[in-house]
Amino acid sequence: MLFRKKIEKSCSYCLFSTALDGGEYLCSKKGVQNQDGKCFRFRYDPCKRIPPRAKALDFSKYDQEDYSL
């Protein structure tokens, strides 16, 4: 997922952008842009992409007997 070929363009994970306060990004090519901004100079930086959080596991279906040897 992080290295797929067709990645949607977004300033939030562009090589040329730097995060500012309030969901804005400073682009070295275009200036201040919002997070959904995109341009033809987009270069994907996988280190800036934050993967979604994993869901919490549900242990309520197990009882104490399942944990004993």
N, C-alpha and C. Protein backbone atom coordinates (compact mmCIF):
# COMPACT_ATOMS: atom_id res chain seq x y z
N MET A 1 0.80 -1.19 0.00
CA MET A 1 0.00 0.00 0.00
C MET A 1 0.85 1.26 0.00
N LEU A 2 1.92 1.28 0.76
CA LEU A 2 2.75 2.48 0.80
C LEU A 2 3.50 2.71 -0.50
N PHE A 3 3.78 1.65 -1.24
CA PHE A 3 4.58 1.78 -2.45
C PHE A 3 3.83 1.38 -3.71
N ARG A 4 2.52 1.51 -3.72
CA ARG A 4 1.75 1.15 -4.91
C ARG A 4 2.02 2.16 -6.03
N LYS A 5 1.79 1.74 -7.26
CA LYS A 5 2.11 2.56 -8.42
C LYS A 5 1.19 3.76 -8.56
N LYS A 6 -0.12 3.59 -8.41
CA LYS A 6 -1.08 4.68 -8.59
C LYS A 6 -1.44 5.25 -7.22
N ILE A 7 -0.76 6.29 -6.83
CA ILE A 7 -1.02 6.94 -5.54
C ILE A 7 -1.74 8.25 -5.82
N GLU A 8 -2.77 8.55 -5.03
CA GLU A 8 -3.50 9.80 -5.21
C GLU A 8 -2.63 10.97 -4.77
N LYS A 9 -2.66 12.05 -5.52
CA LYS A 9 -1.83 13.20 -5.22
C LYS A 9 -2.39 13.98 -4.04
N SER A 10 -1.52 14.34 -3.12
CA SER A 10 -1.90 15.15 -1.97
C SER A 10 -0.66 15.82 -1.41
N CYS A 11 -0.78 17.08 -1.04
CA CYS A 11 0.36 17.81 -0.47
C CYS A 11 0.82 17.21 0.86
N SER A 12 -0.05 16.46 1.52
CA SER A 12 0.30 15.92 2.83
C SER A 12 1.43 14.90 2.77
N TYR A 13 1.65 14.25 1.62
CA TYR A 13 2.78 13.33 1.50
C TYR A 13 3.57 13.55 0.22
N CYS A 14 3.78 14.81 -0.10
CA CYS A 14 4.60 15.20 -1.24
C CYS A 14 6.03 15.49 -0.77
N LEU A 15 6.98 15.20 -1.59
CA LEU A 15 8.39 15.42 -1.29
C LEU A 15 8.70 16.90 -1.08
N PHE A 16 8.00 17.78 -1.78
CA PHE A 16 8.30 19.21 -1.75
C PHE A 16 7.55 19.97 -0.66
N SER A 17 6.72 19.32 0.15
CA SER A 17 5.90 20.04 1.13
C SER A 17 6.41 19.83 2.56
N THR A 18 6.08 20.81 3.40
CA THR A 18 6.39 20.77 4.82
C THR A 18 5.13 21.17 5.58
N ALA A 19 4.78 20.44 6.61
CA ALA A 19 3.55 20.69 7.36
C ALA A 19 3.63 21.99 8.16
N LEU A 20 2.53 22.74 8.13
CA LEU A 20 2.36 23.94 8.94
C LEU A 20 1.20 23.70 9.89
N ASP A 21 0.88 24.67 10.74
CA ASP A 21 -0.26 24.55 11.64
C ASP A 21 -1.57 24.68 10.87
N GLY A 22 -2.61 24.05 11.37
CA GLY A 22 -3.95 24.20 10.81
C GLY A 22 -4.20 23.41 9.54
N GLY A 23 -3.48 22.34 9.30
CA GLY A 23 -3.73 21.51 8.12
C GLY A 23 -3.24 22.11 6.82
N GLU A 24 -2.34 23.07 6.88
CA GLU A 24 -1.77 23.66 5.68
C GLU A 24 -0.34 23.16 5.49
N TYR A 25 0.12 23.24 4.25
CA TYR A 25 1.45 22.77 3.91
C TYR A 25 2.19 23.83 3.11
N LEU A 26 3.48 23.96 3.37
CA LEU A 26 4.32 24.89 2.63
C LEU A 26 5.02 24.11 1.53
N CYS A 27 4.66 24.40 0.31
CA CYS A 27 5.24 23.74 -0.85
C CYS A 27 6.39 24.59 -1.37
N SER A 28 7.54 23.99 -1.64
CA SER A 28 8.68 24.75 -2.15
C SER A 28 8.46 25.19 -3.59
N LYS A 29 7.47 24.62 -4.27
CA LYS A 29 7.18 24.98 -5.66
C LYS A 29 6.00 25.93 -5.79
N LYS A 30 4.95 25.76 -4.95
CA LYS A 30 3.70 26.51 -5.10
C LYS A 30 3.37 27.45 -3.95
N GLY A 31 4.09 27.38 -2.83
CA GLY A 31 3.78 28.21 -1.67
C GLY A 31 2.86 27.48 -0.71
N VAL A 32 2.04 28.22 0.04
CA VAL A 32 1.15 27.62 1.04
C VAL A 32 -0.04 26.97 0.34
N GLN A 33 -0.28 25.71 0.67
CA GLN A 33 -1.37 24.92 0.08
C GLN A 33 -2.14 24.24 1.20
N ASN A 34 -3.38 23.84 0.92
CA ASN A 34 -4.12 23.05 1.91
C ASN A 34 -3.74 21.58 1.76
N GLN A 35 -4.20 20.76 2.65
CA GLN A 35 -3.81 19.35 2.68
C GLN A 35 -4.27 18.58 1.45
N ASP A 36 -5.38 18.97 0.86
CA ASP A 36 -5.88 18.28 -0.32
C ASP A 36 -5.35 18.88 -1.62
N GLY A 37 -4.47 19.85 -1.52
CA GLY A 37 -3.92 20.47 -2.71
C GLY A 37 -3.08 19.48 -3.50
N LYS A 38 -3.00 19.72 -4.80
CA LYS A 38 -2.21 18.84 -5.65
C LYS A 38 -1.74 19.62 -6.87
N CYS A 39 -0.62 19.22 -7.43
CA CYS A 39 -0.11 19.88 -8.62
C CYS A 39 0.69 18.87 -9.44
N PHE A 40 1.14 19.30 -10.59
CA PHE A 40 1.85 18.39 -11.49
C PHE A 40 3.27 18.10 -11.02
N ARG A 41 3.78 18.83 -10.05
CA ARG A 41 5.13 18.60 -9.52
C ARG A 41 5.14 17.59 -8.36
N PHE A 42 4.03 16.96 -8.09
CA PHE A 42 3.91 16.01 -6.98
C PHE A 42 4.92 14.88 -7.11
N ARG A 43 5.66 14.65 -6.04
CA ARG A 43 6.57 13.50 -5.93
C ARG A 43 6.26 12.82 -4.61
N TYR A 44 5.95 11.54 -4.67
CA TYR A 44 5.54 10.78 -3.49
C TYR A 44 6.72 10.53 -2.56
N ASP A 45 6.52 10.81 -1.27
CA ASP A 45 7.51 10.53 -0.23
C ASP A 45 6.87 9.55 0.76
N PRO A 46 7.22 8.26 0.70
CA PRO A 46 6.57 7.26 1.56
C PRO A 46 6.81 7.49 3.05
N CYS A 47 7.85 8.22 3.42
CA CYS A 47 8.11 8.48 4.84
C CYS A 47 7.12 9.46 5.44
N LYS A 48 6.44 10.25 4.63
CA LYS A 48 5.46 11.22 5.13
C LYS A 48 4.07 10.62 5.26
N ARG A 49 3.83 9.49 4.68
CA ARG A 49 2.50 8.88 4.72
C ARG A 49 2.30 8.18 6.05
N ILE A 50 1.18 8.45 6.70
CA ILE A 50 0.85 7.83 7.98
C ILE A 50 -0.21 6.77 7.73
N PRO A 51 0.11 5.48 7.95
CA PRO A 51 -0.87 4.43 7.71
C PRO A 51 -2.01 4.49 8.72
N PRO A 52 -3.20 3.97 8.35
CA PRO A 52 -4.32 3.99 9.29
C PRO A 52 -4.05 3.09 10.49
N ARG A 53 -4.63 3.45 11.63
CA ARG A 53 -4.45 2.66 12.85
C ARG A 53 -5.15 1.32 12.74
N ALA A 54 -4.54 0.31 13.31
CA ALA A 54 -5.16 -1.02 13.35
C ALA A 54 -6.32 -1.02 14.33
N LYS A 55 -7.34 -1.81 14.03
CA LYS A 55 -8.49 -1.90 14.93
C LYS A 55 -8.09 -2.62 16.22
N ALA A 56 -8.71 -2.23 17.30
CA ALA A 56 -8.45 -2.88 18.59
C ALA A 56 -9.03 -4.30 18.57
N LEU A 57 -8.31 -5.23 19.13
CA LEU A 57 -8.77 -6.61 19.17
C LEU A 57 -9.84 -6.79 20.24
N ASP A 58 -10.78 -7.65 19.97
CA ASP A 58 -11.88 -7.91 20.90
C ASP A 58 -11.62 -9.24 21.61
N PHE A 59 -11.24 -9.16 22.89
CA PHE A 59 -10.95 -10.36 23.68
C PHE A 59 -12.13 -10.78 24.54
N SER A 60 -13.27 -10.13 24.39
CA SER A 60 -14.43 -10.45 25.23
C SER A 60 -15.01 -11.83 24.91
N LYS A 61 -14.74 -12.37 23.74
CA LYS A 61 -15.28 -13.68 23.39
C LYS A 61 -14.50 -14.84 24.04
N TYR A 62 -13.36 -14.52 24.65
CA TYR A 62 -12.58 -15.54 25.33
C TYR A 62 -12.85 -15.49 26.84
N ASP A 63 -12.77 -16.64 27.48
CA ASP A 63 -12.92 -16.66 28.94
C ASP A 63 -11.60 -17.13 29.57
N GLN A 64 -11.58 -17.22 30.87
CA GLN A 64 -10.34 -17.56 31.60
C GLN A 64 -9.83 -18.94 31.21
N GLU A 65 -10.69 -19.84 30.85
CA GLU A 65 -10.29 -21.21 30.49
C GLU A 65 -9.42 -21.21 29.23
N ASP A 66 -9.63 -20.30 28.33
CA ASP A 66 -8.84 -20.24 27.10
C ASP A 66 -7.39 -19.84 27.36
N TYR A 67 -7.13 -19.20 28.50
CA TYR A 67 -5.78 -18.74 28.80
C TYR A 67 -5.01 -19.68 29.70
N SER A 68 -5.58 -20.76 30.11
CA SER A 68 -4.88 -21.69 31.00
C SER A 68 -4.27 -22.84 30.19
N LEU A 69 -3.23 -23.44 30.76
CA LEU A 69 -2.57 -24.56 30.10
C LEU A 69 -3.09 -25.88 30.58
